[in-house]
């Protein structure tokens, strides 16, 4: 299981198809993250994708799967603990995380 604190280095991107705001997801990760700042989850792995639910600083975010977008930024899809709110957030919003080998969406 990979552990991260702050902006720890993640595995590098593998060249592939372009990633847009509409991405198929699957619940393939058993890990979680602690959010390091209040922000809005997105409907896709870009800051330009539609805003969705708000996740608060310190909340637990259950990780489902990961992508690297066209800018080389790693984003995770998951669910806010204790809710049914799901969405995308950048790894930069994690103060801490544990992941099961970065499963792709």
N, C-alpha and C. Protein backbone atom coordinates (compact mmCIF):
# COMPACT_ATOMS: atom_id res chain seq x y z
N UNK A 1 0.85 -1.16 0.00
CA UNK A 1 0.00 0.00 0.00
C UNK A 1 0.89 1.23 0.00
N UNK A 2 0.64 2.16 -0.89
CA UNK A 2 1.41 3.39 -0.97
C UNK A 2 0.87 4.39 0.03
N UNK A 3 1.76 5.07 0.72
CA UNK A 3 1.38 6.11 1.66
C UNK A 3 1.92 7.43 1.16
N UNK A 4 1.21 8.49 1.44
CA UNK A 4 1.68 9.80 1.01
C UNK A 4 1.36 10.85 2.04
N UNK A 5 2.21 11.85 2.12
CA UNK A 5 1.99 12.99 2.98
C UNK A 5 2.30 14.22 2.17
N UNK A 6 1.41 15.19 2.20
CA UNK A 6 1.64 16.42 1.45
C UNK A 6 1.69 16.15 -0.03
N UNK A 7 2.70 16.66 -0.69
CA UNK A 7 2.81 16.53 -2.14
C UNK A 7 3.86 15.49 -2.50
N UNK A 8 3.77 14.33 -1.89
CA UNK A 8 4.72 13.26 -2.18
C UNK A 8 4.66 12.87 -3.64
N UNK A 9 5.76 12.42 -4.16
CA UNK A 9 5.84 12.02 -5.57
C UNK A 9 4.96 10.81 -5.82
N UNK A 10 4.20 10.88 -6.89
CA UNK A 10 3.34 9.78 -7.31
C UNK A 10 3.98 9.13 -8.53
N UNK A 11 3.57 7.91 -8.85
CA UNK A 11 4.10 7.28 -10.07
C UNK A 11 3.87 8.18 -11.27
N UNK A 12 4.75 8.13 -12.23
CA UNK A 12 4.65 8.99 -13.40
C UNK A 12 3.55 8.53 -14.32
N UNK A 13 3.07 9.46 -15.14
CA UNK A 13 1.98 9.17 -16.07
C UNK A 13 2.45 8.24 -17.18
N UNK A 14 1.53 7.46 -17.67
CA UNK A 14 1.77 6.61 -18.83
C UNK A 14 0.98 7.20 -19.98
N UNK A 15 1.62 7.37 -21.12
CA UNK A 15 0.95 7.95 -22.27
C UNK A 15 -0.25 7.10 -22.66
N UNK A 16 -1.33 7.78 -23.03
CA UNK A 16 -2.54 7.06 -23.40
C UNK A 16 -3.57 8.01 -23.95
N UNK A 17 -4.81 7.59 -23.92
CA UNK A 17 -5.91 8.40 -24.45
C UNK A 17 -6.10 9.65 -23.61
N UNK A 18 -6.63 10.69 -24.25
CA UNK A 18 -6.91 11.92 -23.53
C UNK A 18 -7.99 11.68 -22.51
N UNK A 19 -7.89 12.39 -21.40
CA UNK A 19 -8.87 12.30 -20.33
C UNK A 19 -9.70 13.58 -20.36
N UNK A 20 -11.03 13.46 -20.33
CA UNK A 20 -11.91 14.62 -20.32
C UNK A 20 -12.70 14.67 -19.03
N UNK A 21 -13.77 15.46 -19.02
CA UNK A 21 -14.59 15.59 -17.82
C UNK A 21 -15.51 14.39 -17.62
N UNK A 22 -15.69 13.57 -18.62
CA UNK A 22 -16.54 12.39 -18.51
C UNK A 22 -15.65 11.14 -18.51
N UNK A 23 -15.45 10.56 -17.35
CA UNK A 23 -14.56 9.41 -17.19
C UNK A 23 -15.32 8.28 -16.50
N UNK A 24 -15.24 7.08 -17.05
CA UNK A 24 -15.82 5.92 -16.38
C UNK A 24 -15.01 5.63 -15.12
N UNK A 25 -15.70 5.27 -14.04
CA UNK A 25 -15.01 5.01 -12.78
C UNK A 25 -15.37 3.62 -12.27
N UNK A 26 -14.54 3.14 -11.35
CA UNK A 26 -14.79 1.87 -10.68
C UNK A 26 -14.24 1.98 -9.26
N UNK A 27 -14.81 1.24 -8.35
CA UNK A 27 -14.35 1.27 -6.97
C UNK A 27 -13.29 0.17 -6.81
N UNK A 28 -12.04 0.53 -7.11
CA UNK A 28 -10.95 -0.45 -7.15
C UNK A 28 -9.89 -0.22 -6.08
N UNK A 29 -10.00 0.85 -5.32
CA UNK A 29 -8.98 1.18 -4.32
C UNK A 29 -9.56 0.98 -2.93
N UNK A 30 -8.76 0.49 -2.01
CA UNK A 30 -9.21 0.30 -0.62
C UNK A 30 -8.69 1.41 0.28
N UNK A 31 -8.06 2.42 -0.30
CA UNK A 31 -7.43 3.47 0.49
C UNK A 31 -8.33 4.66 0.75
N UNK A 32 -7.74 5.64 1.42
CA UNK A 32 -8.44 6.88 1.74
C UNK A 32 -7.45 8.02 1.80
N UNK A 33 -8.00 9.22 1.84
CA UNK A 33 -7.17 10.42 1.97
C UNK A 33 -7.78 11.31 3.05
N UNK A 34 -6.95 12.14 3.65
CA UNK A 34 -7.41 13.20 4.53
C UNK A 34 -7.26 14.50 3.74
N UNK A 35 -8.34 15.24 3.62
CA UNK A 35 -8.37 16.48 2.83
C UNK A 35 -7.64 17.58 3.59
N UNK A 36 -6.78 18.34 2.88
CA UNK A 36 -5.99 19.37 3.56
C UNK A 36 -6.52 20.79 3.36
N UNK A 37 -7.62 20.94 2.60
CA UNK A 37 -8.25 22.26 2.46
C UNK A 37 -9.66 22.09 1.92
N UNK A 38 -10.55 22.94 2.37
CA UNK A 38 -11.93 22.90 1.89
C UNK A 38 -11.95 23.28 0.41
N UNK A 39 -12.64 22.48 -0.38
CA UNK A 39 -12.75 22.76 -1.81
C UNK A 39 -13.96 22.01 -2.38
N UNK A 40 -14.21 22.20 -3.65
CA UNK A 40 -15.35 21.57 -4.31
C UNK A 40 -14.89 20.41 -5.17
N UNK A 41 -15.53 19.26 -4.98
CA UNK A 41 -15.27 18.13 -5.87
C UNK A 41 -15.73 18.50 -7.27
N UNK A 42 -15.15 17.85 -8.26
CA UNK A 42 -15.48 18.12 -9.67
C UNK A 42 -16.10 16.88 -10.30
N UNK A 43 -16.78 17.09 -11.44
CA UNK A 43 -17.40 15.98 -12.17
C UNK A 43 -16.38 15.27 -13.05
N UNK A 44 -15.17 15.78 -13.14
CA UNK A 44 -14.10 15.19 -13.92
C UNK A 44 -12.76 15.64 -13.37
N UNK A 45 -11.66 15.10 -13.91
CA UNK A 45 -10.33 15.36 -13.36
C UNK A 45 -9.64 16.63 -13.88
N UNK A 46 -10.37 17.72 -13.90
CA UNK A 46 -9.83 19.04 -14.28
C UNK A 46 -10.52 20.11 -13.45
N UNK A 47 -9.82 21.19 -13.16
CA UNK A 47 -10.43 22.29 -12.42
C UNK A 47 -11.51 22.99 -13.22
N UNK A 48 -11.56 22.77 -14.53
CA UNK A 48 -12.59 23.37 -15.38
C UNK A 48 -13.86 22.53 -15.47
N UNK A 49 -13.85 21.31 -14.94
CA UNK A 49 -15.05 20.46 -14.95
C UNK A 49 -16.06 21.03 -13.95
N UNK A 50 -17.32 20.69 -14.14
CA UNK A 50 -18.41 21.22 -13.32
C UNK A 50 -18.17 20.95 -11.84
N UNK A 51 -18.47 21.96 -11.01
CA UNK A 51 -18.36 21.80 -9.56
C UNK A 51 -19.48 20.91 -9.05
N UNK A 52 -19.18 20.18 -7.98
CA UNK A 52 -20.16 19.27 -7.40
C UNK A 52 -20.23 19.52 -5.89
N UNK A 53 -20.05 18.52 -5.07
CA UNK A 53 -20.15 18.63 -3.62
C UNK A 53 -18.91 19.29 -3.01
N UNK A 54 -19.10 19.94 -1.87
CA UNK A 54 -18.00 20.54 -1.13
C UNK A 54 -17.45 19.52 -0.15
N UNK A 55 -16.12 19.41 -0.11
CA UNK A 55 -15.43 18.55 0.85
C UNK A 55 -14.63 19.47 1.77
N UNK A 56 -14.74 19.23 3.07
CA UNK A 56 -14.15 20.12 4.07
C UNK A 56 -12.75 19.69 4.49
N UNK A 57 -11.96 20.67 4.89
CA UNK A 57 -10.63 20.42 5.44
C UNK A 57 -10.74 19.40 6.57
N UNK A 58 -9.90 18.37 6.53
CA UNK A 58 -9.87 17.35 7.57
C UNK A 58 -10.79 16.17 7.34
N UNK A 59 -11.69 16.27 6.34
CA UNK A 59 -12.60 15.15 6.09
C UNK A 59 -11.86 13.97 5.48
N UNK A 60 -12.42 12.80 5.70
CA UNK A 60 -11.89 11.57 5.11
C UNK A 60 -12.56 11.38 3.75
N UNK A 61 -11.75 11.02 2.75
CA UNK A 61 -12.22 10.84 1.38
C UNK A 61 -11.82 9.44 0.95
N UNK A 62 -12.81 8.58 0.70
CA UNK A 62 -12.54 7.19 0.29
C UNK A 62 -12.16 7.17 -1.18
N UNK A 63 -10.98 6.63 -1.46
CA UNK A 63 -10.46 6.58 -2.82
C UNK A 63 -11.04 5.39 -3.58
N UNK A 64 -11.44 5.64 -4.84
CA UNK A 64 -11.97 4.58 -5.69
C UNK A 64 -10.99 4.24 -6.80
N UNK A 65 -10.52 5.27 -7.52
CA UNK A 65 -9.60 5.04 -8.63
C UNK A 65 -8.91 6.35 -9.00
N UNK A 66 -7.91 6.25 -9.89
CA UNK A 66 -7.03 7.37 -10.21
C UNK A 66 -6.87 7.55 -11.72
N UNK A 67 -6.62 8.80 -12.14
CA UNK A 67 -6.21 9.09 -13.51
C UNK A 67 -5.14 10.18 -13.48
N UNK A 68 -4.39 10.27 -14.55
CA UNK A 68 -3.48 11.39 -14.77
C UNK A 68 -4.07 12.15 -15.95
N UNK A 69 -4.39 13.43 -15.75
CA UNK A 69 -5.03 14.18 -16.83
C UNK A 69 -4.00 14.64 -17.87
N UNK A 70 -4.47 15.34 -18.88
CA UNK A 70 -3.61 15.75 -19.99
C UNK A 70 -2.53 16.75 -19.60
N UNK A 71 -2.64 17.33 -18.40
CA UNK A 71 -1.63 18.26 -17.90
C UNK A 71 -0.60 17.55 -17.03
N UNK A 72 -0.76 16.22 -16.87
CA UNK A 72 0.17 15.44 -16.06
C UNK A 72 -0.15 15.46 -14.57
N UNK A 73 -1.36 15.92 -14.21
CA UNK A 73 -1.76 16.00 -12.81
C UNK A 73 -2.57 14.77 -12.41
N UNK A 74 -2.25 14.19 -11.25
CA UNK A 74 -2.95 13.00 -10.77
C UNK A 74 -4.20 13.42 -10.00
N UNK A 75 -5.33 12.83 -10.38
CA UNK A 75 -6.62 13.08 -9.73
C UNK A 75 -7.20 11.75 -9.25
N UNK A 76 -7.97 11.82 -8.17
CA UNK A 76 -8.63 10.64 -7.63
C UNK A 76 -10.14 10.84 -7.63
N UNK A 77 -10.85 9.76 -7.90
CA UNK A 77 -12.30 9.74 -7.77
C UNK A 77 -12.61 9.00 -6.48
N UNK A 78 -13.60 9.49 -5.75
CA UNK A 78 -13.96 8.82 -4.51
C UNK A 78 -15.19 9.41 -3.88
N UNK A 79 -15.39 9.05 -2.62
CA UNK A 79 -16.59 9.42 -1.86
C UNK A 79 -16.20 10.07 -0.54
N UNK A 80 -16.93 11.12 -0.18
CA UNK A 80 -16.74 11.76 1.12
C UNK A 80 -17.29 10.83 2.19
N UNK A 81 -16.48 10.54 3.21
CA UNK A 81 -16.87 9.63 4.28
C UNK A 81 -18.19 10.05 4.91
N UNK A 82 -19.06 9.05 5.14
CA UNK A 82 -20.33 9.30 5.81
C UNK A 82 -21.40 9.91 4.93
N UNK A 83 -21.14 10.02 3.63
CA UNK A 83 -22.09 10.61 2.70
C UNK A 83 -22.19 9.75 1.44
N UNK A 84 -23.07 10.16 0.55
CA UNK A 84 -23.16 9.55 -0.78
C UNK A 84 -22.55 10.47 -1.83
N UNK A 85 -21.86 11.53 -1.40
CA UNK A 85 -21.27 12.50 -2.32
C UNK A 85 -19.98 11.95 -2.90
N UNK A 86 -19.94 11.84 -4.22
CA UNK A 86 -18.77 11.35 -4.93
C UNK A 86 -18.29 12.40 -5.92
N UNK A 87 -17.01 12.31 -6.29
CA UNK A 87 -16.48 13.23 -7.29
C UNK A 87 -14.98 13.12 -7.38
N UNK A 88 -14.41 14.04 -8.16
CA UNK A 88 -12.98 14.07 -8.45
C UNK A 88 -12.29 15.17 -7.65
N UNK A 89 -11.07 14.87 -7.21
CA UNK A 89 -10.23 15.87 -6.57
C UNK A 89 -8.77 15.60 -6.91
N UNK A 90 -7.99 16.65 -6.93
CA UNK A 90 -6.56 16.53 -7.23
C UNK A 90 -5.81 16.01 -6.01
N UNK A 91 -4.74 15.27 -6.25
CA UNK A 91 -3.89 14.77 -5.17
C UNK A 91 -3.31 15.94 -4.34
N UNK A 92 -3.25 17.13 -4.93
CA UNK A 92 -2.75 18.30 -4.21
C UNK A 92 -3.65 18.68 -3.04
N UNK A 93 -4.87 18.16 -3.00
CA UNK A 93 -5.80 18.46 -1.91
C UNK A 93 -5.72 17.46 -0.76
N UNK A 94 -4.72 16.55 -0.82
CA UNK A 94 -4.56 15.55 0.22
C UNK A 94 -3.43 15.94 1.17
N UNK A 95 -3.72 15.94 2.46
CA UNK A 95 -2.67 16.12 3.45
C UNK A 95 -2.00 14.80 3.74
N UNK A 96 -2.74 13.72 3.54
CA UNK A 96 -2.26 12.36 3.78
C UNK A 96 -3.11 11.44 2.94
N UNK A 97 -2.54 10.34 2.46
CA UNK A 97 -3.34 9.34 1.74
C UNK A 97 -2.68 7.97 1.83
N UNK A 98 -3.51 6.96 1.69
CA UNK A 98 -3.09 5.58 1.55
C UNK A 98 -3.82 5.04 0.34
N UNK A 99 -3.09 4.38 -0.55
CA UNK A 99 -3.70 3.84 -1.75
C UNK A 99 -3.24 2.42 -2.01
N UNK A 100 -4.07 1.70 -2.71
CA UNK A 100 -3.78 0.32 -3.08
C UNK A 100 -3.18 0.30 -4.50
N UNK A 101 -1.96 0.77 -4.64
CA UNK A 101 -1.20 0.71 -5.90
C UNK A 101 -1.79 1.57 -7.02
N UNK A 102 -2.45 2.67 -6.71
CA UNK A 102 -2.92 3.62 -7.72
C UNK A 102 -3.77 2.98 -8.82
N UNK A 103 -4.85 2.23 -8.49
CA UNK A 103 -5.63 1.59 -9.55
C UNK A 103 -6.26 2.62 -10.48
N UNK A 104 -6.21 2.36 -11.75
CA UNK A 104 -6.76 3.29 -12.72
C UNK A 104 -8.28 3.13 -12.80
N UNK A 105 -8.91 4.19 -13.29
CA UNK A 105 -10.36 4.14 -13.49
C UNK A 105 -10.63 3.41 -14.78
